[in-house]
Amino acid sequence: MKRILVGLSVVVGTLVMGLTNASASVYCDVDPTIPVGTPLTYAIAPTISLGTLAVHPYLYGTRKTTTFGIGLSL
């Protein structure tokens, strides 16, 4: 019975995500942008793999703004 409920939960969750176009990046979208820039435009976005976990820090800059953040994926 427990396996049936877990399987049903996974199926319903997948269906809801497909219908609503949901993803973690949509719900956890926090990209702080500060109004400080540099004369150079740059983009730094390395990927760091730690086994099954991947970390995606990023830093983008223009003449007027700087945006930074981090993403996680399995």
PDB file of N, CA and C in Angstrom:
ATOM      1  N   MET A   1       0.818  -1.195   0.000  1.00  0.00           N
ATOM      2  CA  MET A   1       0.000   0.000   0.000  1.00  0.00           C
ATOM      3  C   MET A   1       0.866   1.265   0.000  1.00  0.00           C
ATOM      4  N   LYS A   2       1.963   1.191   0.756  1.00  0.00           N
ATOM      5  CA  LYS A   2       2.858   2.347   0.827  1.00  0.00           C
ATOM      6  C   LYS A   2       3.487   2.644  -0.540  1.00  0.00           C
ATOM      7  N   ARG A   3       3.861   1.599  -1.268  1.00  0.00           N
ATOM      8  CA  ARG A   3       4.459   1.777  -2.596  1.00  0.00           C
ATOM      9  C   ARG A   3       3.449   2.387  -3.570  1.00  0.00           C
ATOM     10  N   ILE A   4       2.213   1.976  -3.458  1.00  0.00           N
ATOM     11  CA  ILE A   4       1.184   2.520  -4.335  1.00  0.00           C
ATOM     12  C   ILE A   4       0.994   4.007  -4.085  1.00  0.00           C
ATOM     13  N   LEU A   5       0.944   4.417  -2.817  1.00  0.00           N
ATOM     14  CA  LEU A   5       0.766   5.837  -2.491  1.00  0.00           C
ATOM     15  C   LEU A   5       1.962   6.673  -2.935  1.00  0.00           C
ATOM     16  N   VAL A   6       3.166   6.152  -2.750  1.00  0.00           N
ATOM     17  CA  VAL A   6       4.365   6.886  -3.184  1.00  0.00           C
ATOM     18  C   VAL A   6       4.378   7.007  -4.713  1.00  0.00           C
ATOM     19  N   GLY A   7       4.078   5.924  -5.402  1.00  0.00           N
ATOM     20  CA  GLY A   7       4.028   5.962  -6.861  1.00  0.00           C
ATOM     21  C   GLY A   7       2.973   6.919  -7.372  1.00  0.00           C
ATOM     22  N   LEU A   8       1.798   6.912  -6.758  1.00  0.00           N
ATOM     23  CA  LEU A   8       0.728   7.821  -7.152  1.00  0.00           C
ATOM     24  C   LEU A   8       1.127   9.275  -6.904  1.00  0.00           C
ATOM     25  N   SER A   9       1.813   9.534  -5.799  1.00  0.00           N
ATOM     26  CA  SER A   9       2.271  10.893  -5.496  1.00  0.00           C
ATOM     27  C   SER A   9       3.270  11.382  -6.541  1.00  0.00           C
ATOM     28  N   VAL A  10       4.173  10.521  -6.956  1.00  0.00           N
ATOM     29  CA  VAL A  10       5.156  10.893  -7.976  1.00  0.00           C
ATOM     30  C   VAL A  10       4.467  11.181  -9.306  1.00  0.00           C
ATOM     31  N   VAL A  11       3.517  10.340  -9.669  1.00  0.00           N
ATOM     32  CA  VAL A  11       2.805  10.533 -10.933  1.00  0.00           C
ATOM     33  C   VAL A  11       2.008  11.831 -10.921  1.00  0.00           C
ATOM     34  N   VAL A  12       1.287  12.091  -9.842  1.00  0.00           N
ATOM     35  CA  VAL A  12       0.488  13.322  -9.744  1.00  0.00           C
ATOM     36  C   VAL A  12       1.402  14.540  -9.728  1.00  0.00           C
ATOM     37  N   GLY A  13       2.511  14.485  -9.005  1.00  0.00           N
ATOM     38  CA  GLY A  13       3.450  15.601  -8.973  1.00  0.00           C
ATOM     39  C   GLY A  13       4.044  15.892 -10.336  1.00  0.00           C
ATOM     40  N   THR A  14       4.396  14.846 -11.067  1.00  0.00           N
ATOM     41  CA  THR A  14       4.932  15.019 -12.418  1.00  0.00           C
ATOM     42  C   THR A  14       3.890  15.619 -13.350  1.00  0.00           C
ATOM     43  N   LEU A  15       2.655  15.154 -13.222  1.00  0.00           N
ATOM     44  CA  LEU A  15       1.574  15.690 -14.044  1.00  0.00           C
ATOM     45  C   LEU A  15       1.346  17.170 -13.754  1.00  0.00           C
ATOM     46  N   VAL A  16       1.330  17.544 -12.492  1.00  0.00           N
ATOM     47  CA  VAL A  16       1.139  18.957 -12.122  1.00  0.00           C
ATOM     48  C   VAL A  16       2.286  19.810 -12.644  1.00  0.00           C
ATOM     49  N   MET A  17       3.523  19.320 -12.520  1.00  0.00           N
ATOM     50  CA  MET A  17       4.664  20.084 -13.027  1.00  0.00           C
ATOM     51  C   MET A  17       4.582  20.261 -14.535  1.00  0.00           C
ATOM     52  N   GLY A  18       4.141  19.228 -15.247  1.00  0.00           N
ATOM     53  CA  GLY A  18       4.014  19.325 -16.693  1.00  0.00           C
ATOM     54  C   GLY A  18       2.918  20.277 -17.122  1.00  0.00           C
ATOM     55  N   LEU A  19       1.820  20.287 -16.395  1.00  0.00           N
ATOM     56  CA  LEU A  19       0.701  21.160 -16.747  1.00  0.00           C
ATOM     57  C   LEU A  19       0.961  22.620 -16.412  1.00  0.00           C
ATOM     58  N   THR A  20       1.713  22.860 -15.341  1.00  0.00           N
ATOM     59  CA  THR A  20       1.931  24.239 -14.900  1.00  0.00           C
ATOM     60  C   THR A  20       3.279  24.799 -15.338  1.00  0.00           C
ATOM     61  N   ASN A  21       4.092  23.993 -16.022  1.00  0.00           N
ATOM     62  CA  ASN A  21       5.420  24.415 -16.458  1.00  0.00           C
ATOM     63  C   ASN A  21       6.258  24.856 -15.255  1.00  0.00           C
ATOM     64  N   ALA A  22       6.154  24.106 -14.181  1.00  0.00           N
ATOM     65  CA  ALA A  22       6.845  24.449 -12.945  1.00  0.00           C
ATOM     66  C   ALA A  22       8.269  23.904 -12.958  1.00  0.00           C
ATOM     67  N   SER A  23       9.154  24.625 -12.337  1.00  0.00           N
ATOM     68  CA  SER A  23      10.508  24.150 -12.112  1.00  0.00           C
ATOM     69  C   SER A  23      11.057  24.862 -10.893  1.00  0.00           C
ATOM     70  N   ALA A  24      12.138  24.348 -10.357  1.00  0.00           N
ATOM     71  CA  ALA A  24      12.724  24.959  -9.165  1.00  0.00           C
ATOM     72  C   ALA A  24      13.219  26.363  -9.463  1.00  0.00           C
ATOM     73  N   SER A  25      13.683  26.595 -10.669  1.00  0.00           N
ATOM     74  CA  SER A  25      14.193  27.930 -10.985  1.00  0.00           C
ATOM     75  C   SER A  25      13.076  28.959 -10.998  1.00  0.00           C
ATOM     76  N   VAL A  26      11.852  28.531 -11.280  1.00  0.00           N
ATOM     77  CA  VAL A  26      10.728  29.466 -11.262  1.00  0.00           C
ATOM     78  C   VAL A  26      10.360  29.819  -9.830  1.00  0.00           C
ATOM     79  N   TYR A  27      10.301  28.825  -8.967  1.00  0.00           N
ATOM     80  CA  TYR A  27       9.894  29.064  -7.592  1.00  0.00           C
ATOM     81  C   TYR A  27      11.007  29.645  -6.736  1.00  0.00           C
ATOM     82  N   CYS A  28      12.255  29.398  -7.101  1.00  0.00           N
ATOM     83  CA  CYS A  28      13.385  29.869  -6.309  1.00  0.00           C
ATOM     84  C   CYS A  28      14.166  30.943  -7.056  1.00  0.00           C
ATOM     85  N   ASP A  29      13.491  31.731  -7.821  1.00  0.00           N
ATOM     86  CA  ASP A  29      14.146  32.723  -8.656  1.00  0.00           C
ATOM     87  C   ASP A  29      14.465  33.973  -7.842  1.00  0.00           C
ATOM     88  N   VAL A  30      15.663  34.018  -7.304  1.00  0.00           N
ATOM     89  CA  VAL A  30      16.115  35.180  -6.555  1.00  0.00           C
ATOM     90  C   VAL A  30      17.443  35.599  -7.177  1.00  0.00           C
ATOM     91  N   ASP A  31      17.389  36.573  -8.048  1.00  0.00           N
ATOM     92  CA  ASP A  31      18.577  37.076  -8.707  1.00  0.00           C
ATOM     93  C   ASP A  31      18.804  38.514  -8.257  1.00  0.00           C
ATOM     94  N   PRO A  32      19.565  38.697  -7.184  1.00  0.00           N
ATOM     95  CA  PRO A  32      19.807  40.063  -6.743  1.00  0.00           C
ATOM     96  C   PRO A  32      20.578  40.853  -7.796  1.00  0.00           C
ATOM     97  N   THR A  33      20.055  41.998  -8.139  1.00  0.00           N
ATOM     98  CA  THR A  33      20.731  42.900  -9.070  1.00  0.00           C
ATOM     99  C   THR A  33      21.015  44.190  -8.331  1.00  0.00           C
ATOM    100  N   ILE A  34      22.266  44.551  -8.293  1.00  0.00           N
ATOM    101  CA  ILE A  34      22.637  45.785  -7.611  1.00  0.00           C
ATOM    102  C   ILE A  34      23.020  46.823  -8.664  1.00  0.00           C
ATOM    103  N   PRO A  35      22.706  48.074  -8.408  1.00  0.00           N
ATOM    104  CA  PRO A  35      22.955  49.121  -9.408  1.00  0.00           C
ATOM    105  C   PRO A  35      24.398  49.617  -9.418  1.00  0.00           C
ATOM    106  N   VAL A  36      25.346  48.683  -9.405  1.00  0.00           N
ATOM    107  CA  VAL A  36      26.764  49.025  -9.441  1.00  0.00           C
ATOM    108  C   VAL A  36      27.377  48.249 -10.595  1.00  0.00           C
ATOM    109  N   GLY A  37      28.062  48.920 -11.457  1.00  0.00           N
ATOM    110  CA  GLY A  37      28.662  48.256 -12.600  1.00  0.00           C
ATOM    111  C   GLY A  37      30.136  48.568 -12.728  1.00  0.00           C
ATOM    112  N   THR A  38      30.745  48.007 -13.747  1.00  0.00           N
ATOM    113  CA  THR A  38      32.150  48.249 -14.056  1.00  0.00           C
ATOM    114  C   THR A  38      32.248  48.632 -15.529  1.00  0.00           C
ATOM    115  N   PRO A  39      33.359  49.154 -15.952  1.00  0.00           N
ATOM    116  CA  PRO A  39      33.506  49.491 -17.373  1.00  0.00           C
ATOM    117  C   PRO A  39      33.467  48.261 -18.287  1.00  0.00           C
ATOM    118  N   LEU A  40      33.681  47.078 -17.728  1.00  0.00           N
ATOM    119  CA  LEU A  40      33.700  45.851 -18.518  1.00  0.00           C
ATOM    120  C   LEU A  40      32.381  45.098 -18.381  1.00  0.00           C
ATOM    121  N   THR A  41      31.963  44.440 -19.453  1.00  0.00           N
ATOM    122  CA  THR A  41      30.828  43.528 -19.404  1.00  0.00           C
ATOM    123  C   THR A  41      31.389  42.124 -19.248  1.00  0.00           C
ATOM    124  N   TYR A  42      30.875  41.368 -18.275  1.00  0.00           N
ATOM    125  CA  TYR A  42      31.422  40.048 -18.015  1.00  0.00           C
ATOM    126  C   TYR A  42      30.311  39.082 -17.619  1.00  0.00           C
ATOM    127  N   ALA A  43      30.611  37.804 -17.766  1.00  0.00           N
ATOM    128  CA  ALA A  43      29.713  36.731 -17.363  1.00  0.00           C
ATOM    129  C   ALA A  43      30.568  35.572 -16.871  1.00  0.00           C
ATOM    130  N   ILE A  44      30.387  35.206 -15.632  1.00  0.00           N
ATOM    131  CA  ILE A  44      31.118  34.093 -15.032  1.00  0.00           C
ATOM    132  C   ILE A  44      30.072  33.102 -14.542  1.00  0.00           C
ATOM    133  N   ALA A  45      30.091  31.881 -15.060  1.00  0.00           N
ATOM    134  CA  ALA A  45      29.092  30.882 -14.685  1.00  0.00           C
ATOM    135  C   ALA A  45      29.705  29.481 -14.700  1.00  0.00           C
ATOM    136  N   PRO A  46      30.528  29.143 -13.706  1.00  0.00           N
ATOM    137  CA  PRO A  46      31.109  27.800 -13.671  1.00  0.00           C
ATOM    138  C   PRO A  46      30.105  26.775 -13.145  1.00  0.00           C
ATOM    139  N   THR A  47      30.382  25.514 -13.399  1.00  0.00           N
ATOM    140  CA  THR A  47      29.591  24.413 -12.843  1.00  0.00           C
ATOM    141  C   THR A  47      30.516  23.558 -11.998  1.00  0.00           C
ATOM    142  N   ILE A  48      30.098  23.296 -10.774  1.00  0.00           N
ATOM    143  CA  ILE A  48      30.884  22.491  -9.845  1.00  0.00           C
ATOM    144  C   ILE A  48      30.084  21.226  -9.551  1.00  0.00           C
ATOM    145  N   SER A  49      30.628  20.067  -9.922  1.00  0.00           N
ATOM    146  CA  SER A  49      29.938  18.800  -9.698  1.00  0.00           C
ATOM    147  C   SER A  49      30.454  18.139  -8.434  1.00  0.00           C
ATOM    148  N   LEU A  50      29.516  17.753  -7.580  1.00  0.00           N
ATOM    149  CA  LEU A  50      29.836  17.066  -6.331  1.00  0.00           C
ATOM    150  C   LEU A  50      29.041  15.764  -6.292  1.00  0.00           C
ATOM    151  N   GLY A  51      29.516  14.758  -6.998  1.00  0.00           N
ATOM    152  CA  GLY A  51      28.767  13.506  -7.087  1.00  0.00           C
ATOM    153  C   GLY A  51      27.527  13.704  -7.937  1.00  0.00           C
ATOM    154  N   THR A  52      26.357  13.492  -7.347  1.00  0.00           N
ATOM    155  CA  THR A  52      25.111  13.675  -8.093  1.00  0.00           C
ATOM    156  C   THR A  52      24.591  15.104  -8.001  1.00  0.00           C
ATOM    157  N   LEU A  53      25.192  15.925  -7.180  1.00  0.00           N
ATOM    158  CA  LEU A  53      24.773  17.315  -7.002  1.00  0.00           C
ATOM    159  C   LEU A  53      25.659  18.238  -7.826  1.00  0.00           C
ATOM    160  N   ALA A  54      25.049  19.166  -8.525  1.00  0.00           N
ATOM    161  CA  ALA A  54      25.809  20.150  -9.298  1.00  0.00           C
ATOM    162  C   ALA A  54      25.451  21.548  -8.804  1.00  0.00           C
ATOM    163  N   VAL A  55      26.453  22.369  -8.610  1.00  0.00           N
ATOM    164  CA  VAL A  55      26.280  23.735  -8.135  1.00  0.00           C
ATOM    165  C   VAL A  55      26.628  24.669  -9.288  1.00  0.00           C
ATOM    166  N   HIS A  56      25.750  25.657  -9.537  1.00  0.00           N
ATOM    167  CA  HIS A  56      25.934  26.584 -10.655  1.00  0.00           C
ATOM    168  C   HIS A  56      25.947  28.033 -10.151  1.00  0.00           C
ATOM    169  N   PRO A  57      27.078  28.496  -9.633  1.00  0.00           N
ATOM    170  CA  PRO A  57      27.133  29.915  -9.265  1.00  0.00           C
ATOM    171  C   PRO A  57      27.311  30.779 -10.508  1.00  0.00           C
ATOM    172  N   TYR A  58      26.815  31.998 -10.463  1.00  0.00           N
ATOM    173  CA  TYR A  58      26.972  32.876 -11.616  1.00  0.00           C
ATOM    174  C   TYR A  58      27.107  34.327 -11.168  1.00  0.00           C
ATOM    175  N   LEU A  59      27.742  35.086 -12.021  1.00  0.00           N
ATOM    176  CA  LEU A  59      27.969  36.507 -11.795  1.00  0.00           C
ATOM    177  C   LEU A  59      27.979  37.181 -13.158  1.00  0.00           C
ATOM    178  N   TYR A  60      27.054  38.100 -13.375  1.00  0.00           N
ATOM    179  CA  TYR A  60      26.950  38.838 -14.631  1.00  0.00           C
ATOM    180  C   TYR A  60      27.075  40.322 -14.342  1.00  0.00           C
ATOM    181  N   GLY A  61      27.812  41.025 -15.168  1.00  0.00           N
ATOM    182  CA  GLY A  61      27.978  42.449 -14.953  1.00  0.00           C
ATOM    183  C   GLY A  61      27.945  43.248 -16.237  1.00  0.00           C
ATOM    184  N   THR A  62      27.364  44.428 -16.137  1.00  0.00           N
ATOM    185  CA  THR A  62      27.353  45.371 -17.246  1.00  0.00           C
ATOM    186  C   THR A  62      27.888  46.699 -16.729  1.00  0.00           C
ATOM    187  N   ARG A  63      27.783  47.716 -17.537  1.00  0.00           N
ATOM    188  CA  ARG A  63      28.262  49.037 -17.105  1.00  0.00           C
ATOM    189  C   ARG A  63      27.393  49.609 -15.981  1.00  0.00           C
ATOM    190  N   LYS A  64      26.131  49.157 -15.900  1.00  0.00           N
ATOM    191  CA  LYS A  64      25.217  49.744 -14.921  1.00  0.00           C
ATOM    192  C   LYS A  64      24.818  48.815 -13.788  1.00  0.00           C
ATOM    193  N   THR A  65      24.830  47.494 -14.003  1.00  0.00           N
ATOM    194  CA  THR A  65      24.329  46.574 -12.980  1.00  0.00           C
ATOM    195  C   THR A  65      25.228  45.353 -12.821  1.00  0.00           C
ATOM    196  N   THR A  66      25.072  44.693 -11.687  1.00  0.00           N
ATOM    197  CA  THR A  66      25.716  43.418 -11.405  1.00  0.00           C
ATOM    198  C   THR A  66      24.648  42.470 -10.873  1.00  0.00           C
ATOM    199  N   THR A  67      24.559  41.274 -11.437  1.00  0.00           N
ATOM    200  CA  THR A  67      23.602  40.274 -11.020  1.00  0.00           C
ATOM    201  C   THR A  67      24.365  39.022 -10.616  1.00  0.00           C
ATOM    202  N   PHE A  68      23.971  38.396  -9.520  1.00  0.00           N
ATOM    203  CA  PHE A  68      24.665  37.206  -9.056  1.00  0.00           C
ATOM    204  C   PHE A  68      23.669  36.241  -8.437  1.00  0.00           C
ATOM    205  N   GLY A  69      24.085  34.999  -8.293  1.00  0.00           N
ATOM    206  CA  GLY A  69      23.225  33.994  -7.684  1.00  0.00           C
ATOM    207  C   GLY A  69      23.854  32.623  -7.768  1.00  0.00           C
ATOM    208  N   ILE A  70      23.059  31.618  -7.406  1.00  0.00           N
ATOM    209  CA  ILE A  70      23.537  30.240  -7.405  1.00  0.00           C
ATOM    210  C   ILE A  70      22.350  29.325  -7.716  1.00  0.00           C
ATOM    211  N   GLY A  71      22.617  28.252  -8.413  1.00  0.00           N
ATOM    212  CA  GLY A  71      21.599  27.244  -8.709  1.00  0.00           C
ATOM    213  C   GLY A  71      22.106  25.877  -8.322  1.00  0.00           C
ATOM    214  N   LEU A  72      21.194  24.994  -7.939  1.00  0.00           N
ATOM    215  CA  LEU A  72      21.532  23.624  -7.571  1.00  0.00           C
ATOM    216  C   LEU A  72      20.750  22.676  -8.452  1.00  0.00           C
ATOM    217  N   SER A  73      21.354  21.573  -8.834  1.00  0.00           N
ATOM    218  CA  SER A  73      20.634  20.557  -9.597  1.00  0.00           C
ATOM    219  C   SER A  73      21.132  19.174  -9.224  1.00  0.00           C
ATOM    220  N   LEU A  74      20.291  18.216  -9.461  1.00  0.00           N
ATOM    221  CA  LEU A  74      20.632  16.823  -9.179  1.00  0.00           C
ATOM    222  C   LEU A  74      20.925  16.099 -10.457  1.00  0.00           C
TER     223      LEU A  74
END
